[in-house]
Amino acid sequence: MQLTGRSALVTGAANGIGRAIAVKLAEAGADVAASDIDKANLATLTTEIEALGRRCVAIEADCGDVQSIDAMVSQTVDAFGKLDVIVNNAGVTRRAHIMDLTEADFDKINRINAKGVFFCMQRAATEMIKQGGGRIINMASIAGKGYMGSSNVIYAGTKGAVIAMTRLASHQLGPHNINVNAVCPGVTETAIYNEIMASDAKKLGVAEAEVRAAALEKVPLRRSNMPEDIADMCVFLASDAARNVSGQSLHVDGGLVPD
């Protein structure tokens, strides 16, 4: 699963899953454009990737804004001369019951998780069609498959939208030699997940360790993902090993949700 000579763009790359994906792609040989609104952590990521002997360009971008998306992709192509892989990882959520969600929540979550993914796909595909192919990898979630432990209903809806968009996009972009797939993480150790665990423990009035243990009891493999587990799937989908894989929403969840 080597990516030597390829260029990749990862959104939401400054922390968590996105950071792990950027590093893993670089370890596999790709030059990486790392995009986020977190400039400070992008700087440290750039240093880490360059230490691997790969080129890295840090791009401050808002993946809910179409002009910012256009500029982000243009900067990537200007830096590397092409765009072989995009991983649409940027996303937002919050833990909330359906009756506590607001219009502001709906707009904020859909702006990044659905609108942002669509326009990142469209803009990346513009470059990939011109160059004769590429790989689009969208970050969905088992929430989009109806996982009952999802952070909220709106978030689940956006991830369902990502899965549906991935399937249709794969049909329409396939003739241009563009593979489009989605990754569906399960319980993953990230800053967002840690916030959710802390919030749940506070609401229930129990120790956070108890909430974490209860969550893992439902996972057949009895372990959570590390960000690197998701990153490994992205490297596979970006590689020649997955040249005939397209239109899929692949779970990395320890067997938690049947596909």
C-alpha atoms as a PDB file:
ATOM      1  CA  MET A   1       0.000   0.000   0.000  1.00  0.00           C
ATOM      2  CA  GLN A   2       2.620   2.510  -1.141  1.00  0.00           C
ATOM      3  CA  LEU A   3       1.687   6.056  -2.151  1.00  0.00           C
ATOM      4  CA  THR A   4       5.060   7.284  -3.360  1.00  0.00           C
ATOM      5  CA  GLY A   5       4.728  10.105  -5.868  1.00  0.00           C
ATOM      6  CA  ARG A   6       1.135  10.912  -4.949  1.00  0.00           C
ATOM      7  CA  SER A   7      -0.318  14.028  -3.396  1.00  0.00           C
ATOM      8  CA  ALA A   8      -3.085  14.029  -0.798  1.00  0.00           C
ATOM      9  CA  LEU A   9      -5.289  16.645   0.820  1.00  0.00           C
ATOM     10  CA  VAL A  10      -6.689  15.960   4.295  1.00  0.00           C
ATOM     11  CA  THR A  11      -9.299  18.255   5.827  1.00  0.00           C
ATOM     12  CA  GLY A  12      -9.628  18.588   9.586  1.00  0.00           C
ATOM     13  CA  ALA A  13      -6.012  17.463   9.786  1.00  0.00           C
ATOM     14  CA  ALA A  14      -4.776  19.325  12.849  1.00  0.00           C
ATOM     15  CA  ASN A  15      -6.022  16.872  15.460  1.00  0.00           C
ATOM     16  CA  GLY A  16      -7.365  13.395  16.123  1.00  0.00           C
ATOM     17  CA  ILE A  17      -8.322  11.185  13.197  1.00  0.00           C
ATOM     18  CA  GLY A  18      -7.360  13.765  10.572  1.00  0.00           C
ATOM     19  CA  ARG A  19      -3.879  14.167  12.007  1.00  0.00           C
ATOM     20  CA  ALA A  20      -3.366  10.395  12.095  1.00  0.00           C
ATOM     21  CA  ILE A  21      -4.514  10.132   8.465  1.00  0.00           C
ATOM     22  CA  ALA A  22      -2.123  12.862   7.323  1.00  0.00           C
ATOM     23  CA  VAL A  23       0.812  11.172   9.064  1.00  0.00           C
ATOM     24  CA  LYS A  24      -0.055   7.685   7.779  1.00  0.00           C
ATOM     25  CA  LEU A  25      -0.391   8.939   4.202  1.00  0.00           C
ATOM     26  CA  ALA A  26       3.022  10.579   4.511  1.00  0.00           C
ATOM     27  CA  GLU A  27       4.516   7.397   5.964  1.00  0.00           C
ATOM     28  CA  ALA A  28       3.178   5.559   2.899  1.00  0.00           C
ATOM     29  CA  GLY A  29       5.019   8.024   0.662  1.00  0.00           C
ATOM     30  CA  ALA A  30       2.496  10.753  -0.173  1.00  0.00           C
ATOM     31  CA  ASP A  31       3.071  14.488  -0.075  1.00  0.00           C
ATOM     32  CA  VAL A  32       0.339  16.005   2.080  1.00  0.00           C
ATOM     33  CA  ALA A  33      -1.688  19.201   2.137  1.00  0.00           C
ATOM     34  CA  ALA A  34      -3.071  19.492   5.666  1.00  0.00           C
ATOM     35  CA  SER A  35      -6.123  21.702   6.068  1.00  0.00           C
ATOM     36  CA  ASP A  36      -7.784  22.987   9.240  1.00  0.00           C
ATOM     37  CA  ILE A  37      -8.811  26.138  11.092  1.00  0.00           C
ATOM     38  CA  ASP A  38      -6.283  25.280  13.857  1.00  0.00           C
ATOM     39  CA  LYS A  39      -3.121  27.007  12.644  1.00  0.00           C
ATOM     40  CA  ALA A  40      -0.958  26.127  15.644  1.00  0.00           C
ATOM     41  CA  ASN A  41      -1.465  22.370  15.428  1.00  0.00           C
ATOM     42  CA  LEU A  42      -1.113  22.464  11.645  1.00  0.00           C
ATOM     43  CA  ALA A  43       2.363  23.917  12.153  1.00  0.00           C
ATOM     44  CA  THR A  44       3.464  21.036  14.388  1.00  0.00           C
ATOM     45  CA  LEU A  45       1.931  18.522  11.974  1.00  0.00           C
ATOM     46  CA  THR A  46       3.880  20.045   9.104  1.00  0.00           C
ATOM     47  CA  THR A  47       7.117  19.604  11.042  1.00  0.00           C
ATOM     48  CA  GLU A  48       6.217  15.986  11.802  1.00  0.00           C
ATOM     49  CA  ILE A  49       5.490  15.134   8.170  1.00  0.00           C
ATOM     50  CA  GLU A  50       8.573  16.891   6.852  1.00  0.00           C
ATOM     51  CA  ALA A  51      10.638  14.857   9.319  1.00  0.00           C
ATOM     52  CA  LEU A  52       9.388  11.785   7.431  1.00  0.00           C
ATOM     53  CA  GLY A  53      10.978  13.146   4.274  1.00  0.00           C
ATOM     54  CA  ARG A  54       7.713  14.173   2.642  1.00  0.00           C
ATOM     55  CA  ARG A  55       6.529  17.592   1.527  1.00  0.00           C
ATOM     56  CA  CYS A  56       3.716  19.166   3.524  1.00  0.00           C
ATOM     57  CA  VAL A  57       1.753  22.357   3.014  1.00  0.00           C
ATOM     58  CA  ALA A  58      -0.446  23.705   5.803  1.00  0.00           C
ATOM     59  CA  ILE A  59      -3.650  25.362   4.632  1.00  0.00           C
ATOM     60  CA  GLU A  60      -5.960  27.327   6.892  1.00  0.00           C
ATOM     61  CA  ALA A  61      -9.430  26.674   5.482  1.00  0.00           C
ATOM     62  CA  ASP A  62     -13.085  26.663   6.491  1.00  0.00           C
ATOM     63  CA  CYS A  63     -14.725  23.574   5.004  1.00  0.00           C
ATOM     64  CA  GLY A  64     -18.167  25.110   5.358  1.00  0.00           C
ATOM     65  CA  ASP A  65     -17.329  27.926   2.963  1.00  0.00           C
ATOM     66  CA  VAL A  66     -17.224  27.201  -0.781  1.00  0.00           C
ATOM     67  CA  GLN A  67     -14.722  29.960  -1.583  1.00  0.00           C
ATOM     68  CA  SER A  68     -12.415  28.648   1.131  1.00  0.00           C
ATOM     69  CA  ILE A  69     -12.750  25.114  -0.289  1.00  0.00           C
ATOM     70  CA  ASP A  70     -11.882  26.389  -3.782  1.00  0.00           C
ATOM     71  CA  ALA A  71      -8.802  28.159  -2.426  1.00  0.00           C
ATOM     72  CA  MET A  72      -7.760  25.086  -0.423  1.00  0.00           C
ATOM     73  CA  VAL A  73      -7.806  22.792  -3.457  1.00  0.00           C
ATOM     74  CA  SER A  74      -6.087  25.407  -5.618  1.00  0.00           C
ATOM     75  CA  GLN A  75      -3.298  25.773  -3.048  1.00  0.00           C
ATOM     76  CA  THR A  76      -2.827  22.006  -3.017  1.00  0.00           C
ATOM     77  CA  VAL A  77      -2.547  21.809  -6.801  1.00  0.00           C
ATOM     78  CA  ASP A  78      -0.234  24.837  -6.867  1.00  0.00           C
ATOM     79  CA  ALA A  79       2.040  23.154  -4.303  1.00  0.00           C
ATOM     80  CA  PHE A  80       2.154  19.643  -5.776  1.00  0.00           C
ATOM     81  CA  GLY A  81       1.014  20.047  -9.373  1.00  0.00           C
ATOM     82  CA  LYS A  82      -1.891  17.624  -8.915  1.00  0.00           C
ATOM     83  CA  LEU A  83      -4.385  16.159  -6.429  1.00  0.00           C
ATOM     84  CA  ASP A  84      -4.427  12.371  -6.279  1.00  0.00           C
ATOM     85  CA  VAL A  85      -6.281  11.828  -3.007  1.00  0.00           C
ATOM     86  CA  ILE A  86      -8.655  13.861  -0.864  1.00  0.00           C
ATOM     87  CA  VAL A  87      -9.805  12.739   2.573  1.00  0.00           C
ATOM     88  CA  ASN A  88     -12.863  14.755   3.620  1.00  0.00           C
ATOM     89  CA  ASN A  89     -12.427  14.356   7.345  1.00  0.00           C
ATOM     90  CA  ALA A  90     -13.488  17.735   8.783  1.00  0.00           C
ATOM     91  CA  GLY A  91     -16.609  17.438  10.923  1.00  0.00           C
ATOM     92  CA  VAL A  92     -18.419  18.779  13.980  1.00  0.00           C
ATOM     93  CA  THR A  93     -20.960  17.507  16.502  1.00  0.00           C
ATOM     94  CA  ARG A  94     -22.165  17.816  20.080  1.00  0.00           C
ATOM     95  CA  ARG A  95     -23.854  15.433  22.485  1.00  0.00           C
ATOM     96  CA  ALA A  96     -27.561  16.270  22.684  1.00  0.00           C
ATOM     97  CA  HIS A  97     -31.019  14.700  22.889  1.00  0.00           C
ATOM     98  CA  ILE A  98     -33.299  15.294  19.913  1.00  0.00           C
ATOM     99  CA  MET A  99     -35.476  17.682  21.935  1.00  0.00           C
ATOM    100  CA  ASP A 100     -32.499  19.844  22.914  1.00  0.00           C
ATOM    101  CA  LEU A 101     -31.189  20.447  19.401  1.00  0.00           C
ATOM    102  CA  THR A 102     -31.679  23.866  17.826  1.00  0.00           C
ATOM    103  CA  GLU A 103     -31.796  25.420  14.382  1.00  0.00           C
ATOM    104  CA  ALA A 104     -28.310  26.758  15.054  1.00  0.00           C
ATOM    105  CA  ASP A 105     -27.113  23.183  15.735  1.00  0.00           C
ATOM    106  CA  PHE A 106     -28.713  21.991  12.498  1.00  0.00           C
ATOM    107  CA  ASP A 107     -27.078  24.725  10.433  1.00  0.00           C
ATOM    108  CA  LYS A 108     -23.656  24.353  12.065  1.00  0.00           C
ATOM    109  CA  ILE A 109     -23.460  20.559  11.765  1.00  0.00           C
ATOM    110  CA  ASN A 110     -24.851  20.390   8.220  1.00  0.00           C
ATOM    111  CA  ARG A 111     -22.609  23.243   7.084  1.00  0.00           C
ATOM    112  CA  ILE A 112     -19.442  21.206   7.653  1.00  0.00           C
ATOM    113  CA  ASN A 113     -20.553  17.563   7.658  1.00  0.00           C
ATOM    114  CA  ALA A 114     -22.809  17.603   4.596  1.00  0.00           C
ATOM    115  CA  LYS A 115     -22.375  20.835   2.615  1.00  0.00           C
ATOM    116  CA  GLY A 116     -18.627  20.828   3.186  1.00  0.00           C
ATOM    117  CA  VAL A 117     -18.167  17.207   2.116  1.00  0.00           C
ATOM    118  CA  PHE A 118     -20.210  17.757  -1.054  1.00  0.00           C
ATOM    119  CA  PHE A 119     -18.310  20.816  -2.224  1.00  0.00           C
ATOM    120  CA  CYS A 120     -14.934  19.307  -1.290  1.00  0.00           C
ATOM    121  CA  MET A 121     -15.847  16.285  -3.423  1.00  0.00           C
ATOM    122  CA  GLN A 122     -17.001  18.452  -6.309  1.00  0.00           C
ATOM    123  CA  ARG A 123     -13.950  20.724  -6.272  1.00  0.00           C
ATOM    124  CA  ALA A 124     -11.510  17.814  -5.939  1.00  0.00           C
ATOM    125  CA  ALA A 125     -13.268  15.954  -8.753  1.00  0.00           C
ATOM    126  CA  THR A 126     -12.755  18.956 -11.035  1.00  0.00           C
ATOM    127  CA  GLU A 127      -8.993  18.463 -10.716  1.00  0.00           C
ATOM    128  CA  MET A 128      -9.147  14.671 -10.835  1.00  0.00           C
ATOM    129  CA  ILE A 129     -11.200  14.635 -14.035  1.00  0.00           C
ATOM    130  CA  LYS A 130      -8.604  16.869 -15.729  1.00  0.00           C
ATOM    131  CA  GLN A 131      -5.711  14.658 -14.656  1.00  0.00           C
ATOM    132  CA  GLY A 132      -7.385  11.317 -15.450  1.00  0.00           C
ATOM    133  CA  GLY A 133      -8.402   9.977 -12.052  1.00  0.00           C
ATOM    134  CA  GLY A 134      -8.063  10.078  -8.293  1.00  0.00           C
ATOM    135  CA  ARG A 135      -9.381   8.892  -4.949  1.00  0.00           C
ATOM    136  CA  ILE A 136     -12.057  10.557  -2.825  1.00  0.00           C
ATOM    137  CA  ILE A 137     -12.420   9.291   0.730  1.00  0.00           C
ATOM    138  CA  ASN A 138     -15.258  10.683   2.836  1.00  0.00           C
ATOM    139  CA  MET A 139     -15.422  10.384   6.600  1.00  0.00           C
ATOM    140  CA  ALA A 140     -18.860   9.069   7.497  1.00  0.00           C
ATOM    141  CA  SER A 141     -19.698   7.193  10.716  1.00  0.00           C
ATOM    142  CA  ILE A 142     -21.664   4.233  11.988  1.00  0.00           C
ATOM    143  CA  ALA A 143     -24.019   7.002  13.137  1.00  0.00           C
ATOM    144  CA  GLY A 144     -25.067   7.184   9.495  1.00  0.00           C
ATOM    145  CA  LYS A 145     -26.099   3.519   9.692  1.00  0.00           C
ATOM    146  CA  GLY A 146     -28.352   4.075  12.719  1.00  0.00           C
ATOM    147  CA  TYR A 147     -25.967   3.475  15.642  1.00  0.00           C
ATOM    148  CA  MET A 148     -28.028   4.187  18.765  1.00  0.00           C
ATOM    149  CA  GLY A 149     -25.078   5.657  20.657  1.00  0.00           C
ATOM    150  CA  SER A 150     -24.635   8.492  18.150  1.00  0.00           C
ATOM    151  CA  SER A 151     -23.948  11.945  19.544  1.00  0.00           C
ATOM    152  CA  ASN A 152     -27.182  13.387  18.157  1.00  0.00           C
ATOM    153  CA  VAL A 153     -29.860  12.938  15.488  1.00  0.00           C
ATOM    154  CA  ILE A 154     -28.639  15.784  13.280  1.00  0.00           C
ATOM    155  CA  TYR A 155     -25.103  14.383  13.243  1.00  0.00           C
ATOM    156  CA  ALA A 156     -26.438  10.947  12.316  1.00  0.00           C
ATOM    157  CA  GLY A 157     -28.408  12.532   9.481  1.00  0.00           C
ATOM    158  CA  THR A 158     -25.338  14.261   8.074  1.00  0.00           C
ATOM    159  CA  LYS A 159     -23.352  11.029   8.142  1.00  0.00           C
ATOM    160  CA  GLY A 160     -26.195   9.208   6.415  1.00  0.00           C
ATOM    161  CA  ALA A 161     -26.033  11.942   3.796  1.00  0.00           C
ATOM    162  CA  VAL A 162     -22.291  11.367   3.373  1.00  0.00           C
ATOM    163  CA  ILE A 163     -22.901   7.658   2.764  1.00  0.00           C
ATOM    164  CA  ALA A 164     -25.624   8.371   0.185  1.00  0.00           C
ATOM    165  CA  MET A 165     -23.540  11.036  -1.565  1.00  0.00           C
ATOM    166  CA  THR A 166     -20.574   8.659  -1.655  1.00  0.00           C
ATOM    167  CA  ARG A 167     -22.612   5.957  -3.380  1.00  0.00           C
ATOM    168  CA  LEU A 168     -24.084   8.234  -6.040  1.00  0.00           C
ATOM    169  CA  ALA A 169     -20.829  10.112  -6.603  1.00  0.00           C
ATOM    170  CA  SER A 170     -19.022   6.819  -7.191  1.00  0.00           C
ATOM    171  CA  HIS A 171     -21.407   6.060 -10.064  1.00  0.00           C
ATOM    172  CA  GLN A 172     -21.117   9.481 -11.647  1.00  0.00           C
ATOM    173  CA  LEU A 173     -17.355   9.863 -11.204  1.00  0.00           C
ATOM    174  CA  GLY A 174     -16.377   6.256 -11.878  1.00  0.00           C
ATOM    175  CA  PRO A 175     -16.158   6.763 -15.673  1.00  0.00           C
ATOM    176  CA  HIS A 176     -13.463   9.374 -14.944  1.00  0.00           C
ATOM    177  CA  ASN A 177     -11.359   6.780 -13.044  1.00  0.00           C
ATOM    178  CA  ILE A 178     -12.239   8.325  -9.687  1.00  0.00           C
ATOM    179  CA  ASN A 179     -12.869   5.972  -6.760  1.00  0.00           C
ATOM    180  CA  VAL A 180     -15.230   7.346  -4.115  1.00  0.00           C
ATOM    181  CA  ASN A 181     -15.561   5.605  -0.745  1.00  0.00           C
ATOM    182  CA  ALA A 182     -16.589   6.382   2.808  1.00  0.00           C
ATOM    183  CA  VAL A 183     -15.099   5.239   6.103  1.00  0.00           C
ATOM    184  CA  CYS A 184     -17.451   4.653   9.040  1.00  0.00           C
ATOM    185  CA  PRO A 185     -15.595   4.801  12.350  1.00  0.00           C
ATOM    186  CA  GLY A 186     -17.098   3.418  15.517  1.00  0.00           C
ATOM    187  CA  VAL A 187     -15.989   4.310  19.051  1.00  0.00           C
ATOM    188  CA  THR A 188     -12.721   6.194  18.522  1.00  0.00           C
ATOM    189  CA  GLU A 189     -10.413   7.796  21.071  1.00  0.00           C
ATOM    190  CA  THR A 190     -10.410  11.454  20.051  1.00  0.00           C
ATOM    191  CA  ALA A 191     -10.808  14.787  21.835  1.00  0.00           C
ATOM    192  CA  ILE A 192     -14.465  14.941  20.740  1.00  0.00           C
ATOM    193  CA  TYR A 193     -15.101  11.440  22.089  1.00  0.00           C
ATOM    194  CA  ASN A 194     -13.413  12.339  25.375  1.00  0.00           C
ATOM    195  CA  GLU A 195     -15.702  15.363  25.698  1.00  0.00           C
ATOM    196  CA  ILE A 196     -18.748  13.167  25.076  1.00  0.00           C
ATOM    197  CA  MET A 197     -17.639  10.623  27.686  1.00  0.00           C
ATOM    198  CA  ALA A 198     -17.051  13.378  30.246  1.00  0.00           C
ATOM    199  CA  SER A 199     -20.447  14.922  29.473  1.00  0.00           C
ATOM    200  CA  ASP A 200     -22.253  11.579  29.778  1.00  0.00           C
ATOM    201  CA  ALA A 201     -20.557  10.819  33.093  1.00  0.00           C
ATOM    202  CA  LYS A 202     -21.552  14.213  34.476  1.00  0.00           C
ATOM    203  CA  LYS A 203     -25.186  13.797  33.430  1.00  0.00           C
ATOM    204  CA  LEU A 204     -25.374  10.304  34.905  1.00  0.00           C
ATOM    205  CA  GLY A 205     -23.487  11.253  38.055  1.00  0.00           C
ATOM    206  CA  VAL A 206     -20.983   8.399  37.679  1.00  0.00           C
ATOM    207  CA  ALA A 207     -17.248   8.077  37.104  1.00  0.00           C
ATOM    208  CA  GLU A 208     -16.076   8.566  33.525  1.00  0.00           C
ATOM    209  CA  ALA A 209     -14.331   5.186  33.661  1.00  0.00           C
ATOM    210  CA  GLU A 210     -17.715   3.551  34.232  1.00  0.00           C
ATOM    211  CA  VAL A 211     -19.208   5.230  31.163  1.00  0.00           C
ATOM    212  CA  ARG A 212     -16.238   4.193  29.034  1.00  0.00           C
ATOM    213  CA  ALA A 213     -16.431   0.585  30.217  1.00  0.00           C
ATOM    214  CA  ALA A 214     -20.158   0.441  29.445  1.00  0.00           C
ATOM    215  CA  ALA A 215     -19.530   1.739  25.916  1.00  0.00           C
ATOM    216  CA  LEU A 216     -16.916  -0.926  25.221  1.00  0.00           C
ATOM    217  CA  GLU A 217     -19.103  -3.750  26.530  1.00  0.00           C
ATOM    218  CA  LYS A 218     -21.215  -3.319  23.383  1.00  0.00           C
ATOM    219  CA  VAL A 219     -18.201  -3.705  21.058  1.00  0.00           C
ATOM    220  CA  PRO A 220     -17.631  -7.366  20.125  1.00  0.00           C
ATOM    221  CA  LEU A 221     -13.835  -6.918  20.060  1.00  0.00           C
ATOM    222  CA  ARG A 222     -14.054  -5.082  23.411  1.00  0.00           C
ATOM    223  CA  ARG A 223     -11.787  -2.268  22.337  1.00  0.00           C
ATOM    224  CA  SER A 224     -12.173   1.203  20.917  1.00  0.00           C
ATOM    225  CA  ASN A 225     -10.462   2.509  17.802  1.00  0.00           C
ATOM    226  CA  MET A 226      -7.351   4.575  17.941  1.00  0.00           C
ATOM    227  CA  PRO A 227      -7.154   7.286  15.247  1.00  0.00           C
ATOM    228  CA  GLU A 228      -4.486   5.190  13.517  1.00  0.00           C
ATOM    229  CA  ASP A 229      -7.028   2.416  12.913  1.00  0.00           C
ATOM    230  CA  ILE A 230      -9.076   4.801  10.782  1.00  0.00           C
ATOM    231  CA  ALA A 231      -5.955   6.141   9.115  1.00  0.00           C
ATOM    232  CA  ASP A 232      -4.900   2.638   8.037  1.00  0.00           C
ATOM    233  CA  MET A 233      -8.220   2.188   6.230  1.00  0.00           C
ATOM    234  CA  CYS A 234      -7.698   5.507   4.445  1.00  0.00           C
ATOM    235  CA  VAL A 235      -4.224   4.476   3.306  1.00  0.00           C
ATOM    236  CA  PHE A 236      -5.702   1.255   1.918  1.00  0.00           C
ATOM    237  CA  LEU A 237      -8.424   3.124   0.022  1.00  0.00           C
ATOM    238  CA  ALA A 238      -5.867   5.573  -1.367  1.00  0.00           C
ATOM    239  CA  SER A 239      -3.589   2.779  -2.574  1.00  0.00           C
ATOM    240  CA  ASP A 240      -3.537   0.529  -5.627  1.00  0.00           C
ATOM    241  CA  ALA A 241      -4.657  -2.320  -3.370  1.00  0.00           C
ATOM    242  CA  ALA A 242      -8.136  -0.719  -3.479  1.00  0.00           C
ATOM    243  CA  ARG A 243      -8.149   0.133  -7.190  1.00  0.00           C
ATOM    244  CA  ASN A 244     -11.470  -1.681  -7.730  1.00  0.00           C
ATOM    245  CA  VAL A 245     -13.145  -0.602  -4.485  1.00  0.00           C
ATOM    246  CA  SER A 246     -15.672   2.193  -4.985  1.00  0.00           C
ATOM    247  CA  GLY A 247     -19.075   3.268  -3.681  1.00  0.00           C
ATOM    248  CA  GLN A 248     -18.502   1.535  -0.352  1.00  0.00           C
ATOM    249  CA  SER A 249     -19.023   2.663   3.240  1.00  0.00           C
ATOM    250  CA  LEU A 250     -16.512   0.594   5.198  1.00  0.00           C
ATOM    251  CA  HIS A 251     -16.836   0.133   8.951  1.00  0.00           C
ATOM    252  CA  VAL A 252     -13.921   0.347  11.376  1.00  0.00           C
ATOM    253  CA  ASP A 253     -15.838  -0.323  14.588  1.00  0.00           C
ATOM    254  CA  GLY A 254     -14.766  -3.607  16.176  1.00  0.00           C
ATOM    255  CA  GLY A 255     -17.929  -5.290  14.942  1.00  0.00           C
ATOM    256  CA  LEU A 256     -20.269  -2.883  16.721  1.00  0.00           C
ATOM    257  CA  VAL A 257     -22.730  -2.302  13.864  1.00  0.00           C
ATOM    258  CA  PRO A 258     -23.432  -4.893  11.158  1.00  0.00           C
ATOM    259  CA  ASP A 259     -23.237  -3.377   7.678  1.00  0.00           C
END
